[in-house]
Protein backbone atom coordinates (compact mmCIF):
# COMPACT_ATOMS: atom_id res chain seq x y z
CA MET A 1 -0.07 -0.12 -0.30
CA LYS A 2 1.05 3.81 -0.23
CA ILE A 3 0.58 5.08 2.71
CA HIS A 4 1.03 9.25 3.55
CA PHE A 5 1.45 10.66 6.97
CA ILE A 6 0.42 14.46 7.49
CA ALA A 7 2.22 15.19 10.74
CA ILE A 8 5.07 12.31 10.20
CA GLY A 9 7.39 13.97 13.14
CA GLY A 10 5.01 12.93 15.99
CA ALA A 11 6.12 10.27 19.07
CA VAL A 12 4.22 7.96 17.69
CA MET A 13 3.16 9.07 14.37
CA HIS A 14 6.72 8.49 13.23
CA ASN A 15 7.35 5.24 15.36
CA LEU A 16 4.20 3.44 13.13
CA ALA A 17 5.10 5.26 9.99
CA ILE A 18 8.73 3.25 10.09
CA VAL A 19 7.02 0.16 11.04
CA LEU A 20 5.00 0.37 7.94
CA ARG A 21 8.12 0.93 5.76
CA ARG A 22 9.47 -1.85 7.20
CA LYS A 23 6.26 -4.17 6.51
CA GLY A 24 6.69 -3.11 2.69
CA HIS A 25 4.17 -0.61 2.24
CA LEU A 26 5.57 2.44 0.03
CA VAL A 27 5.71 4.99 3.12
CA THR A 28 5.62 8.97 2.53
CA GLY A 29 5.11 11.83 4.83
CA SER A 30 5.43 15.53 6.01
CA ASP A 31 5.47 17.73 8.65
CA ASP A 32 6.55 21.41 9.72
CA VAL A 33 8.55 20.73 12.52
CA ILE A 34 10.48 17.78 12.55
CA ASN A 35 12.67 17.57 16.13
CA ASP A 36 15.04 14.60 17.53
CA PRO A 37 14.73 11.84 18.29
CA ALA A 38 11.66 11.99 15.43
CA LYS A 39 14.49 13.78 13.10
CA THR A 40 16.97 11.23 13.17
CA ASN A 41 14.69 8.53 13.52
CA LEU A 42 12.89 8.83 10.16
CA GLN A 43 16.72 10.32 8.43
CA ASN A 44 18.10 6.86 9.25
CA GLU A 45 15.20 4.91 7.31
CA GLY A 46 14.95 7.26 4.56
CA LEU A 47 11.40 8.60 5.20
CA LEU A 48 12.90 11.89 5.94
CA PRO A 49 10.29 14.69 4.09
CA GLU A 50 13.23 17.01 1.56
CA ARG A 51 10.94 19.48 2.20
CA LEU A 52 9.44 20.73 5.81
CA GLY A 53 5.65 22.25 5.47
CA PHE A 54 2.62 20.55 3.99
CA TYR A 55 2.33 21.06 0.74
CA ALA A 56 -0.58 19.52 -1.59
CA ASP A 57 0.77 17.94 -4.28
CA ASN A 58 2.23 15.64 -1.59
CA ILE A 59 -1.20 14.04 -2.46
CA THR A 60 -2.26 12.15 -5.83
CA PRO A 61 -5.11 9.74 -6.27
CA ASP A 62 -3.11 6.81 -6.09
CA VAL A 63 -2.58 7.01 -2.44
CA ASP A 64 -3.99 4.20 -0.52
CA ALA A 65 -4.38 5.81 2.88
CA VAL A 66 -3.68 9.12 5.18
CA ILE A 67 -2.43 8.94 8.20
CA LEU A 68 -3.74 12.50 10.21
CA GLY A 69 -1.73 13.15 13.02
CA MET A 70 -3.03 15.72 15.33
CA HIS A 71 -0.34 18.14 15.21
CA ALA A 72 -2.10 18.65 11.64
CA ARG A 73 -5.40 21.97 11.57
CA GLU A 74 -8.43 21.13 9.57
CA ASP A 75 -7.59 23.60 7.00
CA ASN A 76 -3.88 21.51 7.05
CA PRO A 77 -3.73 21.47 2.42
CA GLU A 78 -2.78 18.18 1.91
CA LEU A 79 -5.64 17.27 4.56
CA LYS A 80 -8.17 18.90 1.79
CA ILE A 81 -7.14 17.41 -1.26
CA ALA A 82 -6.73 13.58 0.55
CA GLN A 83 -10.80 14.61 0.85
CA GLU A 84 -11.40 16.27 -2.81
CA LEU A 85 -10.16 12.63 -3.40
CA GLY A 86 -11.78 11.11 -1.39
CA LEU A 87 -9.13 8.78 -0.05
CA LYS A 88 -9.13 7.16 2.40
CA ILE A 89 -8.09 9.19 5.96
CA TYR A 90 -7.43 7.70 9.45
CA SER A 91 -6.20 8.83 12.35
CA PHE A 92 -3.55 6.62 13.82
CA PRO A 93 -5.61 4.85 16.67
CA GLN A 94 -7.84 3.86 13.55
CA TYR A 95 -5.61 3.13 11.61
CA ILE A 96 -4.19 0.82 14.75
CA TYR A 97 -7.63 -0.98 15.33
CA GLU A 98 -8.29 -1.55 11.77
CA VAL A 99 -4.86 -4.02 11.58
CA SER A 100 -5.52 -5.54 15.33
CA LYS A 101 -9.92 -6.47 14.73
CA ASN A 102 -8.54 -10.31 15.05
CA LYS A 103 -6.21 -9.90 18.14
CA GLN A 104 -6.95 -9.70 21.33
CA ARG A 105 -6.88 -5.81 22.68
CA VAL A 106 -5.89 -4.33 25.60
CA VAL A 107 -5.48 -0.89 26.41
CA ILE A 108 -3.55 1.26 29.39
CA ALA A 109 -5.32 4.51 30.39
CA GLY A 110 -5.38 7.19 32.86
CA SER A 111 -4.07 10.21 34.03
CA HIS A 112 -0.67 9.12 34.91
CA GLY A 113 1.09 5.87 34.85
CA LYS A 114 -0.16 4.59 31.73
CA THR A 115 3.47 4.16 29.94
CA THR A 116 4.81 3.04 32.55
CA ILE A 117 1.69 0.56 32.94
CA THR A 118 2.21 -0.38 29.15
CA ALA A 119 5.71 -1.12 29.45
CA MET A 120 5.46 -3.45 32.85
CA VAL A 121 3.20 -5.28 30.67
CA MET A 122 4.99 -5.37 27.44
CA HIS A 123 8.68 -6.57 29.96
CA VAL A 124 6.75 -8.95 31.39
CA LEU A 125 5.30 -10.31 28.27
CA GLN A 126 8.08 -10.98 26.28
CA GLU A 127 9.77 -12.30 29.35
CA ALA A 128 6.84 -14.63 29.31
CA GLY A 129 7.50 -16.00 25.21
CA LEU A 130 4.00 -14.72 24.97
CA GLN A 131 4.19 -13.10 20.77
CA PHE A 132 2.28 -9.38 21.16
CA ASP A 133 2.57 -6.40 19.77
CA TYR A 134 2.46 -3.12 20.98
CA LEU A 135 2.24 0.35 21.07
CA VAL A 136 3.66 2.69 24.01
CA GLY A 137 4.25 6.57 24.36
CA ALA A 138 8.43 5.66 25.06
CA LYS A 139 11.08 4.03 24.41
CA VAL A 140 10.94 0.56 27.06
CA LYS A 141 14.62 -1.48 27.10
CA GLY A 142 14.11 -4.86 25.09
CA PHE A 143 11.73 -3.26 21.97
CA ASP A 144 13.79 -1.00 18.96
CA THR A 145 10.67 1.38 18.35
CA SER A 146 7.58 2.38 20.27
CA VAL A 147 5.08 0.69 17.93
CA LYS A 148 4.95 -2.94 16.54
CA ILE A 149 2.34 -4.89 14.58
CA THR A 150 2.44 -8.18 12.57
CA GLU A 151 0.43 -10.55 10.95
CA ASP A 152 0.61 -13.01 13.43
CA ALA A 153 0.22 -11.76 16.63
CA PRO A 154 -2.84 -12.50 18.81
CA ILE A 155 -2.15 -9.57 21.25
CA ILE A 156 -1.78 -6.41 20.85
CA VAL A 157 -0.77 -3.84 24.22
CA LEU A 158 -2.01 0.03 23.61
CA GLU A 159 -1.12 2.98 25.47
CA GLY A 160 -4.41 4.54 25.80
CA ASP A 161 -4.27 8.51 25.04
CA GLU A 162 -6.73 10.77 26.22
CA TYR A 163 -6.00 13.24 24.36
CA LEU A 164 -8.24 13.89 20.90
CA ALA A 165 -6.84 11.91 17.79
CA SER A 166 -7.28 14.00 14.57
CA PRO A 167 -8.18 17.46 13.70
CA LEU A 168 -11.79 15.35 12.09
CA HIS A 169 -11.68 12.70 14.91
CA LYS A 170 -12.62 14.70 18.09
CA GLU A 171 -13.27 11.86 20.32
CA SER A 172 -10.18 10.76 23.12
CA LYS A 173 -8.37 8.54 21.16
CA PHE A 174 -8.57 5.41 23.22
CA MET A 175 -12.32 5.35 22.35
CA TYR A 176 -10.87 4.01 18.99
CA TYR A 177 -9.36 0.80 20.10
CA LYS A 178 -12.90 -1.38 21.89
CA PRO A 179 -10.78 -2.87 24.26
CA HIS A 180 -11.18 -6.79 25.48
CA ALA A 181 -9.47 -6.09 28.51
CA ALA A 182 -8.35 -2.64 30.61
CA LEU A 183 -7.10 -1.23 32.59
CA ILE A 184 -7.74 2.99 33.90
CA SER A 185 -4.80 4.48 36.63
CA GLY A 186 -6.44 7.22 37.89
CA VAL A 187 -8.19 10.38 36.90
CA ALA A 188 -6.48 13.85 37.21
CA TRP A 189 -7.46 16.27 35.28
CA ASP A 190 -5.06 17.71 32.24
CA HIS A 191 -5.60 19.21 28.89
CA ILE A 192 -7.05 22.14 29.31
CA ASN A 193 -6.79 23.26 25.97
CA VAL A 194 -9.77 20.76 24.93
CA PHE A 195 -10.76 19.99 27.93
CA PRO A 196 -11.49 23.51 28.99
CA GLU A 197 -14.03 21.61 31.84
CA TYR A 198 -13.12 19.18 34.62
CA ASP A 199 -16.69 17.01 34.23
CA GLY A 200 -16.20 16.87 29.96
CA TYR A 201 -12.30 15.48 31.07
CA VAL A 202 -13.29 13.15 33.58
CA ASN A 203 -16.13 11.65 31.20
CA GLN A 204 -13.63 10.91 28.92
CA PHE A 205 -12.75 7.72 31.16
CA GLU A 206 -16.05 6.93 31.62
CA LYS A 207 -16.75 7.03 28.04
CA PHE A 208 -13.70 4.89 27.97
CA ALA A 209 -15.51 2.16 30.10
CA TYR A 210 -17.94 1.64 28.33
CA SER A 211 -16.58 1.08 25.49
CA LEU A 212 -15.39 -2.61 26.74
CA GLU A 213 -16.63 -5.37 24.00
CA GLU A 214 -19.28 -7.16 26.28
CA TRP A 215 -17.54 -9.17 29.30
CA GLY A 216 -14.46 -8.16 28.18
CA PHE A 217 -12.47 -7.47 31.62
CA LEU A 218 -11.55 -4.38 33.67
CA THR A 219 -9.26 -3.29 36.31
CA TRP A 220 -8.82 0.16 37.75
CA TYR A 221 -7.20 1.44 40.93
CA ALA A 222 -9.90 1.55 43.82
CA HIS A 223 -8.96 4.92 45.68
CA ASP A 224 -8.87 6.88 42.92
CA GLU A 225 -12.29 9.49 44.10
CA GLU A 226 -13.56 10.41 40.05
CA LEU A 227 -13.50 6.17 39.21
CA LYS A 228 -15.31 5.13 42.65
CA LYS A 229 -18.25 7.78 41.70
CA ILE A 230 -18.21 5.72 37.70
CA PHE A 231 -17.95 2.32 38.87
CA ASN A 232 -20.41 2.90 41.76
CA SER A 233 -23.13 2.97 39.01
CA PHE A 234 -21.63 0.93 36.33
CA ASP A 235 -23.79 -1.15 34.60
CA ALA A 236 -21.65 -2.32 31.42
CA LYS A 237 -21.39 -6.03 30.99
CA VAL A 238 -17.80 -6.49 31.77
CA ARG A 239 -15.71 -8.06 34.50
CA ALA A 240 -14.80 -5.08 36.20
CA ARG A 241 -12.14 -5.46 39.28
CA PRO A 242 -10.33 -2.59 41.52
CA TYR A 243 -6.31 -2.92 42.61
CA ASP A 244 -4.56 -1.66 45.31
CA VAL A 245 -0.95 -0.50 46.08
CA HIS A 246 1.52 -3.39 46.39
CA PRO A 247 2.13 -5.07 49.33
CA TYR A 248 5.85 -3.86 49.73
CA SER A 249 9.04 -2.92 52.33
CA ILE A 250 11.89 -0.82 51.80
CA ARG A 251 15.77 -1.59 52.90
CA GLY A 252 18.23 0.60 52.26
CA GLY A 253 17.20 1.76 49.40
CA VAL A 254 15.80 -0.88 47.78
CA THR A 255 12.02 -1.80 47.95
CA TYR A 256 10.65 -5.33 47.87
CA LEU A 257 6.91 -6.38 46.96
CA THR A 258 5.50 -8.90 49.85
CA THR A 259 4.47 -12.30 48.38
CA GLY A 260 3.19 -15.61 48.73
CA PHE A 261 6.54 -16.44 46.84
CA GLY A 262 8.55 -14.49 49.72
CA GLU A 263 10.11 -10.69 49.00
CA VAL A 264 11.02 -9.58 44.87
CA PRO A 265 13.31 -7.17 44.92
CA LEU A 266 12.63 -4.51 42.29
CA LYS A 267 14.95 -1.41 40.17
CA VAL A 268 11.95 0.74 40.63
CA PHE A 269 10.35 2.45 43.30
CA GLY A 270 7.44 5.02 44.39
CA GLU A 271 3.88 3.99 45.93
CA HIS A 272 2.80 4.88 42.52
CA ASN A 273 4.86 1.92 40.67
CA LEU A 274 2.86 0.06 43.32
CA GLN A 275 0.26 0.81 42.59
CA ASN A 276 0.58 0.40 38.53
CA ILE A 277 2.68 -3.07 39.36
CA ALA A 278 -0.20 -4.21 41.39
CA GLY A 279 -2.41 -3.47 37.72
CA ALA A 280 0.06 -4.78 35.53
CA LYS A 281 -0.31 -7.66 37.17
CA ASN A 282 -3.82 -7.99 36.65
CA ILE A 283 -3.77 -7.48 33.40
CA CYS A 284 -0.75 -9.89 32.80
CA ASN A 285 -3.39 -12.17 35.25
CA GLU A 286 -6.50 -12.49 32.39
CA LEU A 287 -3.19 -12.42 29.53
CA GLY A 288 -2.26 -15.61 31.14
CA VAL A 289 0.16 -14.69 32.72
CA PHE A 290 0.45 -17.17 36.17
CA ASP A 291 1.77 -14.93 39.43
CA GLU A 292 5.16 -16.86 39.94
CA ASP A 293 5.86 -15.66 36.41
CA PHE A 294 4.71 -12.12 36.65
CA TYR A 295 6.87 -11.84 40.21
CA ARG A 296 10.34 -13.11 38.39
CA ALA A 297 10.01 -10.80 35.57
CA ILE A 298 8.80 -7.72 37.34
CA GLN A 299 11.85 -7.69 39.29
CA THR A 300 13.83 -7.10 35.94
CA PHE A 301 11.95 -4.35 34.89
CA ASP A 302 14.19 -1.08 35.46
CA GLY A 303 11.16 1.81 34.10
CA ALA A 304 10.26 3.42 30.65
CA ALA A 305 12.71 5.69 29.34
CA ASN A 306 12.11 9.85 31.02
CA ARG A 307 10.10 8.13 33.82
CA LEU A 308 12.15 8.30 36.68
CA GLN A 309 14.89 7.50 35.27
CA LEU A 310 17.97 6.84 36.92
CA LEU A 311 20.95 9.54 35.39
CA GLY A 312 23.19 9.27 37.75
CA GLU A 313 24.60 8.23 41.55
CA ASN A 314 27.55 8.15 43.66
CA GLU A 315 27.24 6.88 47.42
CA SER A 316 25.39 10.49 48.74
CA THR A 317 23.51 11.56 45.59
CA VAL A 318 20.80 10.18 43.00
CA VAL A 319 20.30 12.29 39.87
CA TYR A 320 16.92 11.12 38.19
CA LYS A 321 14.47 12.61 35.76
CA ASP A 322 10.48 12.37 35.20
CA PHE A 323 8.17 12.96 32.93
CA ALA A 324 6.16 14.30 35.25
CA HIS A 325 4.37 17.86 34.37
CA SER A 326 1.13 17.28 35.29
CA PRO A 327 0.04 17.84 39.36
CA SER A 328 -0.93 14.40 39.95
CA LYS A 329 2.14 13.02 38.48
CA LEU A 330 4.86 15.72 39.90
CA ARG A 331 3.71 15.34 43.93
CA ALA A 332 3.81 11.35 42.86
CA THR A 333 7.11 11.43 41.97
CA VAL A 334 8.12 13.81 44.70
CA ASN A 335 7.22 11.79 46.92
CA ALA A 336 8.52 8.44 46.05
CA MET A 337 11.91 10.30 46.19
CA LYS A 338 11.25 11.18 49.69
CA GLU A 339 10.10 7.78 50.59
CA GLN A 340 12.75 6.02 49.15
CA TYR A 341 15.24 8.56 50.79
CA PRO A 342 14.31 9.73 53.36
CA GLN A 343 17.71 10.81 55.18
CA ARG A 344 18.35 13.35 52.44
CA ASP A 345 17.38 16.59 51.43
CA LEU A 346 15.64 16.79 47.81
CA VAL A 347 15.99 19.04 45.22
CA ALA A 348 12.87 18.56 43.27
CA VAL A 349 13.23 20.94 40.00
CA MET A 350 10.23 20.99 37.91
CA GLU A 351 10.03 22.48 34.99
CA LEU A 352 5.93 24.72 33.39
CA HIS A 353 5.85 23.38 29.53
CA THR A 354 2.39 21.93 28.66
CA PHE A 355 -0.49 23.79 27.35
CA SER A 356 -2.21 23.05 30.75
CA SER A 357 0.73 23.92 33.10
CA ILE A 358 1.14 27.72 31.64
CA ASN A 359 -2.22 28.37 31.63
CA LYS A 360 -3.29 31.03 34.58
CA ASP A 361 -6.43 28.98 34.94
CA PHE A 362 -4.65 25.95 35.85
CA LEU A 363 -1.71 26.33 37.76
CA SER A 364 -3.65 26.50 40.57
CA GLU A 365 -4.02 22.82 40.20
CA TYR A 366 -0.12 22.22 42.14
CA ASP A 367 -0.86 23.25 45.59
CA GLY A 368 0.77 21.42 47.71
CA CYS A 369 2.49 19.17 45.77
CA PHE A 370 6.33 20.60 46.42
CA ASP A 371 5.39 20.04 50.27
CA ASN A 372 7.97 16.80 50.41
CA ALA A 373 10.53 18.41 48.76
CA ASP A 374 13.21 20.72 50.41
CA ILE A 375 14.84 22.21 47.93
CA PRO A 376 11.56 23.42 45.34
CA VAL A 377 12.49 25.33 41.87
CA VAL A 378 9.74 25.82 39.19
CA PHE A 379 11.42 26.93 35.77
CA PHE A 380 9.50 27.86 32.71
CA ASN A 381 11.36 29.34 30.10
CA LYS A 382 9.37 32.71 28.15
CA GLU A 383 9.82 31.75 24.43
CA THR A 384 7.20 28.74 25.55
CA LEU A 385 4.84 31.17 26.52
CA ALA A 386 5.30 33.23 23.56
CA GLN A 387 5.48 30.25 21.17
CA LYS A 388 2.21 29.61 22.75
CA LYS A 389 0.92 32.90 23.28
CA MET A 390 0.39 32.61 27.08
CA PRO A 391 0.21 35.90 28.94
CA GLU A 392 3.88 35.96 31.03
CA LEU A 393 3.96 34.45 34.38
CA GLU A 394 4.75 36.82 38.18
CA GLU A 395 6.86 35.12 39.93
CA GLN A 396 4.64 35.65 43.11
CA PHE A 397 1.78 33.98 41.60
CA VAL A 398 3.65 31.05 40.48
CA LYS A 399 4.18 30.37 43.82
CA GLU A 400 0.97 31.50 45.17
CA CYS A 401 -0.61 28.29 43.20
CA PHE A 402 1.60 26.38 44.56
CA GLY A 403 1.40 27.09 47.99
CA ASN A 404 5.25 27.36 48.75
CA HIS A 405 7.24 30.25 49.95
CA GLN A 406 10.30 27.89 49.91
CA LEU A 407 9.16 28.03 45.87
CA ARG A 408 12.35 29.12 43.78
CA VAL A 409 11.04 30.62 40.38
CA MET A 410 13.51 30.46 37.65
CA THR A 411 13.43 31.60 33.33
CA GLU A 412 16.55 31.27 32.44
CA GLN A 413 18.16 28.31 31.49
CA ASN A 414 22.12 30.20 32.78
CA GLN A 415 20.20 30.99 35.88
CA LEU A 416 18.90 27.18 37.01
CA HIS A 417 22.27 25.62 35.35
CA GLN A 418 24.50 27.98 38.03
CA PHE A 419 22.12 27.17 41.11
CA LEU A 420 22.47 23.37 40.43
CA ILE A 421 26.08 23.44 40.21
CA GLN A 422 26.59 25.54 43.57
CA GLN A 423 24.83 23.58 45.44
CA ASN A 424 26.10 21.60 47.95
CA TRP A 425 25.66 18.17 46.69
CA GLN A 426 26.27 15.50 50.46
CA GLN A 427 23.86 13.53 51.70
CA LYS A 428 21.63 15.40 48.63
CA ASN A 429 19.32 13.92 45.88
CA LEU A 430 18.35 16.08 42.37
CA LEU A 431 15.23 15.71 40.43
CA LEU A 432 13.94 17.14 37.30
CA MET A 433 10.72 16.45 35.97
CA SER A 434 9.77 17.79 32.95
CA SER A 435 7.79 17.10 28.85
CA GLY A 436 10.51 19.85 27.70
CA ASN A 437 14.08 20.09 27.66
CA PHE A 438 14.82 23.10 30.37
CA GLY A 439 15.45 25.71 27.52
CA GLY A 440 18.36 23.32 26.76
CA LEU A 441 19.92 22.76 29.85
CA LYS A 442 22.93 19.69 29.67
CA LEU A 443 21.17 16.98 31.56
CA ASP A 444 23.75 14.80 31.56
CA GLU A 445 26.90 17.58 32.30
CA ILE A 446 24.09 18.65 35.43
CA THR A 447 24.71 14.83 36.88
CA THR A 448 28.02 14.82 36.63
CA THR A 449 28.92 18.02 37.94
CA VAL A 450 26.54 17.02 40.51
CA LEU A 451 28.23 13.49 41.37
CA GLN A 452 31.70 14.36 41.32
CA GLN A 453 30.87 16.46 44.70
CA LYS A 454 33.13 14.42 47.55
C-alpha cells in the first residue's frame, strides 16, 4: 500500500511510519517541524521529508491511505486534497484498530502511569515468551521501536491516550480501540486546552469504560475518587476488578514486593509504581501469566524512558529525571523520592511546559505538590509562553499557586544551571521533572558535575 502521513514527526506517528515501511509499504510523510529523536529516526529509515511544510502535491490519487496526526490543522492543504479525492483518512488510533481487529486488544488508560504500566505489561509478556504487538508512548528497554504490528501476534497492548485523535476525529484516542481488556489508573484533570471543564475530562474515562467489548475485563485503581464514582453506578457487561497498592517494604534504598513467593526486589520505587505493578499484574493474569512468572519478570523491569529514570548516582546522591508535568504526576514523583531516600534532602526542579501547566486558570491545581521537597524549584522558559501565545507569569503568582513560599522560580537556563552546580550535594538528591528540556539544559553535564562533588 501507498500510505502518507500528515504530521509524521509525532512520537507515535514517526514510529508507526517506520514500522509500516519495514513491512514493505510505500510510506511518505510531511510536517512543518520535526525534532529529535523523530528527525534522526526518520532519516535513518529514509523517511525524512526533503522539505518541511505541508504541500498539496504530496497527495496523489494513488495514495491508498492517509494517516492524520493531531499536530495538523483542519485547513491543512494536504488534508483538503485528500478529502477532495475521497481518499481513506485515518487518525493513528483508527488505523491501529483496523490492523488489530482480529487480535485481543488490551488498552492501558489513565491520567497518570499509563506509559509505565504499558511498559510493565510488555516487559512481563516478553519475559513470559508470549507473542504480542504493542503501541507505547516512550522508549522501553528491550524493544527497538515504540510500535509493533505483525500479522501473527494474537495480542496487542496499547497505551490509551485521552487526548483527541486528530483534527477530524475529535474523540479521545482510546475511544477507537474497543478493548477486550483494559486498565484505568486514575483520573486527574489534564489537557485543559481540549477539556476546559473538569467534568468533560472525567466523562472521557466513563465513556472509555463503556467502550469495552461485551464481557471484557476491566481493572481500575480502587482508591481513585473519580473512578469510585464511575464504578458505583457502572452497569456495562464487563468483568470489573479493582486493584490496590501492592504490599511492599523498603530497606537500604531498595523496594521489595511482599508476595506469597517471598520478597521480590525491584529496580523501580514509589507508591505510584506499587499501584502500577498491581494493575499490571491483573492485566497479565488476564492474558494467562501466572503470579510466579509475573514476579520473576517484574523484578528486572527498570522503567520506561524518562519515567523516574536514573541519570547517575554515587554514595550520597542520586540524580533522576521524570516526565512528570501534571499535578498528580508531580506529587507522586516527589513523594516517591522522599519515601525511597528519607535521610536525604531533595532538590526538586519542575518545568512548566505543557499548555495546561502554563495556563493561569490551571496553575492553582499544583497547590501542595511540592510539600515534600526540601528545595523546590519551578522553571519556565519565556519563549515557551510566547510560542504558545500565553500571557506572562509572575514569580509571586506562581508561588501562590503552588502554595509554597520556599519555592524558587527561575526563567533563565543559565540561572538554573548555576543554581544546580553551586549546591552542596552531600546527602542530597536531584529530581528533574519536565516534558520539555529546561531551555536546553544539558542534563548529562549537570549530572556529572553533581556526582563529582566529594
